[in-house]
Amino acid sequence: MAIFAATLVLLSPFALTITLSWIARRHKTFRIHLDQFRVAAPLGGTFADDRDPQRQLREMEVIRSRHLRLPPGT
């Protein structure tokens, strides 16, 4: 009986949370969406797209354009 009571006490907050969120979603008053929570790291900021490849491509294009403008023999 003690194990059943302990299990009931431990699982009741989860059951209450699931029930309340189901009721709120059913009545369209659930205001929390997953897109509100961005993935981030401590002292690292958000995990946005890595712009290194874009920067490298841009620098390679600048190098190519400078090389084409050089006079012959330099």
Protein backbone atom coordinates (compact mmCIF):
# COMPACT_ATOMS: atom_id res chain seq x y z
CA MET A 1 0.00 0.00 0.00
CA ALA A 2 2.88 2.35 0.75
CA ILE A 3 4.39 1.77 -2.69
CA PHE A 4 1.07 2.59 -4.34
CA ALA A 5 0.75 5.80 -2.30
CA ALA A 6 4.32 6.84 -3.10
CA THR A 7 3.76 6.16 -6.81
CA LEU A 8 0.54 8.16 -6.73
CA VAL A 9 2.24 11.08 -5.00
CA LEU A 10 5.15 11.06 -7.46
CA LEU A 11 3.04 10.77 -10.62
CA SER A 12 0.16 13.10 -9.69
CA PRO A 13 1.96 16.36 -10.66
CA PHE A 14 2.66 14.97 -14.13
CA ALA A 15 -0.94 13.82 -14.54
CA LEU A 16 -2.19 17.23 -13.42
CA THR A 17 0.12 19.01 -15.86
CA ILE A 18 -0.95 16.83 -18.76
CA THR A 19 -4.63 17.28 -17.90
CA LEU A 20 -4.40 21.06 -17.57
CA SER A 21 -2.45 21.43 -20.81
CA TRP A 22 -4.97 19.21 -22.63
CA ILE A 23 -7.86 21.35 -21.34
CA ALA A 24 -6.08 24.58 -22.25
CA ARG A 25 -5.28 23.32 -25.75
CA ARG A 26 -8.86 22.14 -26.21
CA HIS A 27 -10.23 25.59 -25.32
CA LYS A 28 -7.49 27.31 -27.38
CA THR A 29 -6.08 29.16 -24.37
CA PHE A 30 -2.74 27.35 -24.43
CA ARG A 31 -0.28 30.20 -24.99
CA ILE A 32 2.98 28.31 -24.83
CA HIS A 33 4.42 27.13 -28.14
CA LEU A 34 7.69 25.35 -28.82
CA ASP A 35 8.92 28.12 -31.12
CA GLN A 36 9.11 30.43 -28.08
CA PHE A 37 12.05 28.45 -26.72
CA ARG A 38 15.18 28.79 -28.84
CA VAL A 39 18.04 26.36 -28.39
CA ALA A 40 21.01 28.11 -26.79
CA ALA A 41 24.13 27.32 -24.82
CA PRO A 42 25.39 29.07 -21.70
CA LEU A 43 27.75 31.89 -22.67
CA GLY A 44 27.46 30.76 -26.27
CA GLY A 45 24.31 32.40 -27.49
CA THR A 46 21.83 30.81 -29.84
CA PHE A 47 22.77 28.14 -32.31
CA ALA A 48 22.19 30.04 -35.52
CA ASP A 49 23.41 29.04 -38.95
CA ASP A 50 27.16 28.91 -39.32
CA ARG A 51 28.21 31.78 -41.57
CA ASP A 52 31.80 30.62 -42.04
CA PRO A 53 31.22 28.89 -45.40
CA GLN A 54 29.41 31.97 -46.72
CA ARG A 55 32.28 34.20 -45.61
CA GLN A 56 34.84 31.90 -47.19
CA LEU A 57 32.98 31.83 -50.50
CA ARG A 58 32.75 35.63 -50.50
CA GLU A 59 36.48 35.97 -49.78
CA MET A 60 37.33 33.51 -52.56
CA GLU A 61 35.23 35.56 -54.98
CA VAL A 62 37.05 38.74 -53.91
CA ILE A 63 40.42 37.03 -54.46
CA ARG A 64 39.34 35.83 -57.91
CA SER A 65 38.07 39.27 -58.91
CA ARG A 66 41.32 40.94 -57.73
CA HIS A 67 43.42 38.40 -59.60
CA LEU A 68 41.52 39.04 -62.83
CA ARG A 69 42.10 42.80 -62.55
CA LEU A 70 45.88 42.55 -62.15
CA PRO A 71 47.92 43.57 -65.19
CA PRO A 72 49.93 40.77 -66.81
CA GLY A 73 53.42 40.20 -65.41
CA THR A 74 52.74 41.36 -61.85
